[in-house]
Amino acid sequence: MNFLDSKKGFFMSGRDWISFFVGLVLFLVGFIPLLKQFKVLGFGLPIFLNSLMAQIFFWIIAIAGVYIIIDGLIEPAGHSLHIFLMILGFLFIIVGLIPILNKFGVISLNLSFLANLVVYNSIITIEGLMLMTAGFTMR
């Protein structure tokens, strides 16, 4: 679908804009540290933001997964992005909840590979891209 020829055009609903901007923030929060880690950028996120993110990153993954599922539910059922958002949203919720539940002693399964910042930032970047895409495709 050509974006400029659609009836919707640039007049998206408030919910679409919220999804887009939440996705943009998540994308930048994940992508800038990835570029710094691979020495593409000479700067990164502020130190206070990095330390805050390290403390709550599993919560961010799980909450963003819930947001992606909500966007998937809002998508028209016939749209191909609908199923994709639903599946990946559930996957992100599971990936975010397993370390949280392990920390509280509810389950004994541990996903220690998620402690790697490259994996974490990649997941956040993908979630951001999905939310930005969903913002433009919702009706």
C-alpha atoms as a PDB file:
ATOM      1  CA  MET A   1       0.000   0.000   0.000  1.00  0.00           C
ATOM      2  CA  ASN A   2       1.346   3.364  -0.997  1.00  0.00           C
ATOM      3  CA  PHE A   3       1.391   5.532   2.102  1.00  0.00           C
ATOM      4  CA  LEU A   4       0.718   8.802   0.284  1.00  0.00           C
ATOM      5  CA  ASP A   5      -2.199   7.403  -1.748  1.00  0.00           C
ATOM      6  CA  SER A   6      -4.028   5.956   1.254  1.00  0.00           C
ATOM      7  CA  LYS A   7      -7.083   7.641   2.715  1.00  0.00           C
ATOM      8  CA  LYS A   8      -5.304   7.653   6.044  1.00  0.00           C
ATOM      9  CA  GLY A   9      -2.231   9.505   4.752  1.00  0.00           C
ATOM     10  CA  PHE A  10      -0.441  11.401   7.473  1.00  0.00           C
ATOM     11  CA  PHE A  11      -3.595  11.653   9.570  1.00  0.00           C
ATOM     12  CA  MET A  12      -3.011   8.759  11.903  1.00  0.00           C
ATOM     13  CA  SER A  13      -4.985   8.346  15.097  1.00  0.00           C
ATOM     14  CA  GLY A  14      -3.490   9.259  18.455  1.00  0.00           C
ATOM     15  CA  ARG A  15      -2.977   5.584  19.276  1.00  0.00           C
ATOM     16  CA  ASP A  16      -0.936   5.143  16.068  1.00  0.00           C
ATOM     17  CA  TRP A  17       1.286   8.085  16.958  1.00  0.00           C
ATOM     18  CA  ILE A  18       1.785   6.791  20.500  1.00  0.00           C
ATOM     19  CA  SER A  19       2.842   3.383  19.147  1.00  0.00           C
ATOM     20  CA  PHE A  20       5.201   5.044  16.704  1.00  0.00           C
ATOM     21  CA  PHE A  21       6.878   7.293  19.287  1.00  0.00           C
ATOM     22  CA  VAL A  22       7.141   4.563  21.944  1.00  0.00           C
ATOM     23  CA  GLY A  23       8.730   2.409  19.249  1.00  0.00           C
ATOM     24  CA  LEU A  24      11.075   5.218  18.265  1.00  0.00           C
ATOM     25  CA  VAL A  25      12.222   5.677  21.868  1.00  0.00           C
ATOM     26  CA  LEU A  26      12.771   1.919  22.309  1.00  0.00           C
ATOM     27  CA  PHE A  27      14.596   1.760  18.974  1.00  0.00           C
ATOM     28  CA  LEU A  28      16.958   4.591  19.913  1.00  0.00           C
ATOM     29  CA  VAL A  29      17.533   3.249  23.446  1.00  0.00           C
ATOM     30  CA  GLY A  30      18.532  -0.107  21.965  1.00  0.00           C
ATOM     31  CA  PHE A  31      20.275   0.985  18.748  1.00  0.00           C
ATOM     32  CA  ILE A  32      22.560   3.734  20.065  1.00  0.00           C
ATOM     33  CA  PRO A  33      24.325   1.404  22.569  1.00  0.00           C
ATOM     34  CA  LEU A  34      24.650  -1.233  19.812  1.00  0.00           C
ATOM     35  CA  LEU A  35      26.357   1.276  17.526  1.00  0.00           C
ATOM     36  CA  LYS A  36      28.663   2.357  20.372  1.00  0.00           C
ATOM     37  CA  GLN A  37      29.465  -1.264  21.237  1.00  0.00           C
ATOM     38  CA  PHE A  38      30.469  -1.959  17.617  1.00  0.00           C
ATOM     39  CA  LYS A  39      32.468   1.317  17.587  1.00  0.00           C
ATOM     40  CA  VAL A  40      30.325   2.947  14.897  1.00  0.00           C
ATOM     41  CA  LEU A  41      29.448   5.869  17.182  1.00  0.00           C
ATOM     42  CA  GLY A  42      31.830   7.619  19.513  1.00  0.00           C
ATOM     43  CA  PHE A  43      29.087   8.414  22.019  1.00  0.00           C
ATOM     44  CA  GLY A  44      26.392   6.458  23.789  1.00  0.00           C
ATOM     45  CA  LEU A  45      23.469   6.986  26.088  1.00  0.00           C
ATOM     46  CA  PRO A  46      24.020   9.039  29.265  1.00  0.00           C
ATOM     47  CA  ILE A  47      25.480   7.058  32.159  1.00  0.00           C
ATOM     48  CA  PHE A  48      22.399   7.445  34.373  1.00  0.00           C
ATOM     49  CA  LEU A  49      20.214   6.015  31.606  1.00  0.00           C
ATOM     50  CA  ASN A  50      22.549   3.040  31.072  1.00  0.00           C
ATOM     51  CA  SER A  51      22.536   2.167  34.778  1.00  0.00           C
ATOM     52  CA  LEU A  52      18.754   2.550  34.990  1.00  0.00           C
ATOM     53  CA  MET A  53      18.282   0.361  31.909  1.00  0.00           C
ATOM     54  CA  ALA A  54      20.541  -2.336  33.330  1.00  0.00           C
ATOM     55  CA  GLN A  55      18.390  -2.560  36.454  1.00  0.00           C
ATOM     56  CA  ILE A  56      15.037  -2.769  34.714  1.00  0.00           C
ATOM     57  CA  PHE A  57      15.820  -4.200  31.255  1.00  0.00           C
ATOM     58  CA  PHE A  58      13.855  -7.460  31.694  1.00  0.00           C
ATOM     59  CA  TRP A  59      10.825  -5.452  32.796  1.00  0.00           C
ATOM     60  CA  ILE A  60      11.181  -3.267  29.681  1.00  0.00           C
ATOM     61  CA  ILE A  61      11.294  -6.352  27.446  1.00  0.00           C
ATOM     62  CA  ALA A  62       8.167  -7.831  29.062  1.00  0.00           C
ATOM     63  CA  ILE A  63       6.193  -4.572  29.087  1.00  0.00           C
ATOM     64  CA  ALA A  64       7.137  -3.805  25.482  1.00  0.00           C
ATOM     65  CA  GLY A  65       5.969  -7.339  24.607  1.00  0.00           C
ATOM     66  CA  VAL A  66       2.577  -6.558  26.153  1.00  0.00           C
ATOM     67  CA  TYR A  67       2.442  -3.319  24.165  1.00  0.00           C
ATOM     68  CA  ILE A  68       3.268  -5.245  20.963  1.00  0.00           C
ATOM     69  CA  ILE A  69       0.451  -7.717  21.693  1.00  0.00           C
ATOM     70  CA  ILE A  70      -1.956  -4.812  22.194  1.00  0.00           C
ATOM     71  CA  ASP A  71      -0.877  -3.404  18.828  1.00  0.00           C
ATOM     72  CA  GLY A  72      -1.336  -6.861  17.336  1.00  0.00           C
ATOM     73  CA  LEU A  73      -4.870  -7.040  18.701  1.00  0.00           C
ATOM     74  CA  ILE A  74      -5.675  -3.639  17.236  1.00  0.00           C
ATOM     75  CA  GLU A  75      -4.349  -4.623  13.799  1.00  0.00           C
ATOM     76  CA  PRO A  76      -7.018  -5.839  11.387  1.00  0.00           C
ATOM     77  CA  ALA A  77      -7.250  -9.636  11.587  1.00  0.00           C
ATOM     78  CA  GLY A  78      -6.566 -10.065   7.871  1.00  0.00           C
ATOM     79  CA  HIS A  79      -3.363  -8.050   7.965  1.00  0.00           C
ATOM     80  CA  SER A  80      -0.189 -10.179   7.889  1.00  0.00           C
ATOM     81  CA  LEU A  81       1.410  -8.043  10.596  1.00  0.00           C
ATOM     82  CA  HIS A  82      -1.392  -9.034  13.003  1.00  0.00           C
ATOM     83  CA  ILE A  83      -0.142 -12.609  13.513  1.00  0.00           C
ATOM     84  CA  PHE A  84       3.516 -11.559  13.463  1.00  0.00           C
ATOM     85  CA  LEU A  85       2.974  -8.984  16.236  1.00  0.00           C
ATOM     86  CA  MET A  86       0.996 -11.429  18.360  1.00  0.00           C
ATOM     87  CA  ILE A  87       3.604 -14.211  18.148  1.00  0.00           C
ATOM     88  CA  LEU A  88       6.611 -11.981  18.791  1.00  0.00           C
ATOM     89  CA  GLY A  89       4.786 -10.115  21.552  1.00  0.00           C
ATOM     90  CA  PHE A  90       4.193 -13.387  23.409  1.00  0.00           C
ATOM     91  CA  LEU A  91       7.814 -14.394  22.805  1.00  0.00           C
ATOM     92  CA  PHE A  92       9.091 -11.098  24.226  1.00  0.00           C
ATOM     93  CA  ILE A  93       6.833 -11.437  27.283  1.00  0.00           C
ATOM     94  CA  ILE A  94       8.203 -14.920  27.955  1.00  0.00           C
ATOM     95  CA  VAL A  95      11.816 -13.797  27.415  1.00  0.00           C
ATOM     96  CA  GLY A  96      11.277 -10.873  29.805  1.00  0.00           C
ATOM     97  CA  LEU A  97       9.376 -12.817  32.475  1.00  0.00           C
ATOM     98  CA  ILE A  98      11.665 -15.857  32.806  1.00  0.00           C
ATOM     99  CA  PRO A  99      14.568 -13.898  34.406  1.00  0.00           C
ATOM    100  CA  ILE A 100      12.124 -11.918  36.574  1.00  0.00           C
ATOM    101  CA  LEU A 101      10.418 -15.083  37.848  1.00  0.00           C
ATOM    102  CA  ASN A 102      13.821 -16.743  38.341  1.00  0.00           C
ATOM    103  CA  LYS A 103      14.998 -13.764  40.418  1.00  0.00           C
ATOM    104  CA  PHE A 104      11.963 -14.123  42.714  1.00  0.00           C
ATOM    105  CA  GLY A 105      12.472 -17.905  42.989  1.00  0.00           C
ATOM    106  CA  VAL A 106       9.221 -18.811  41.235  1.00  0.00           C
ATOM    107  CA  ILE A 107      10.965 -20.880  38.538  1.00  0.00           C
ATOM    108  CA  SER A 108      14.445 -22.339  38.314  1.00  0.00           C
ATOM    109  CA  LEU A 109      14.982 -21.743  34.582  1.00  0.00           C
ATOM    110  CA  ASN A 110      17.688 -19.172  33.900  1.00  0.00           C
ATOM    111  CA  LEU A 111      18.355 -17.351  30.636  1.00  0.00           C
ATOM    112  CA  SER A 112      21.801 -16.055  31.497  1.00  0.00           C
ATOM    113  CA  PHE A 113      22.620 -15.283  27.852  1.00  0.00           C
ATOM    114  CA  LEU A 114      20.198 -12.349  28.103  1.00  0.00           C
ATOM    115  CA  ALA A 115      22.600 -10.647  30.498  1.00  0.00           C
ATOM    116  CA  ASN A 116      24.729  -9.904  27.425  1.00  0.00           C
ATOM    117  CA  LEU A 117      24.071  -6.258  26.529  1.00  0.00           C
ATOM    118  CA  VAL A 118      24.282  -6.933  22.782  1.00  0.00           C
ATOM    119  CA  VAL A 119      21.404  -9.436  23.016  1.00  0.00           C
ATOM    120  CA  TYR A 120      19.389  -7.110  25.243  1.00  0.00           C
ATOM    121  CA  ASN A 121      19.903  -4.060  23.023  1.00  0.00           C
ATOM    122  CA  SER A 122      19.083  -6.119  19.920  1.00  0.00           C
ATOM    123  CA  ILE A 123      15.768  -7.239  21.465  1.00  0.00           C
ATOM    124  CA  ILE A 124      14.887  -3.654  22.440  1.00  0.00           C
ATOM    125  CA  THR A 125      15.787  -2.431  18.928  1.00  0.00           C
ATOM    126  CA  ILE A 126      13.582  -5.098  17.312  1.00  0.00           C
ATOM    127  CA  GLU A 127      10.699  -4.244  19.649  1.00  0.00           C
ATOM    128  CA  GLY A 128      11.070  -0.579  18.738  1.00  0.00           C
ATOM    129  CA  LEU A 129      11.035  -1.341  15.015  1.00  0.00           C
ATOM    130  CA  MET A 130       7.928  -3.473  15.432  1.00  0.00           C
ATOM    131  CA  LEU A 131       6.069  -0.739  17.304  1.00  0.00           C
ATOM    132  CA  MET A 132       7.072   1.920  14.769  1.00  0.00           C
ATOM    133  CA  THR A 133       5.884  -0.317  11.919  1.00  0.00           C
ATOM    134  CA  ALA A 134       2.629  -1.083  13.728  1.00  0.00           C
ATOM    135  CA  GLY A 135       2.038   2.641  14.200  1.00  0.00           C
ATOM    136  CA  PHE A 136       1.941   3.144  10.436  1.00  0.00           C
ATOM    137  CA  THR A 137      -0.113   0.058   9.589  1.00  0.00           C
ATOM    138  CA  MET A 138      -2.914   0.280  12.167  1.00  0.00           C
ATOM    139  CA  ARG A 139      -6.342   1.552  11.165  1.00  0.00           C
END
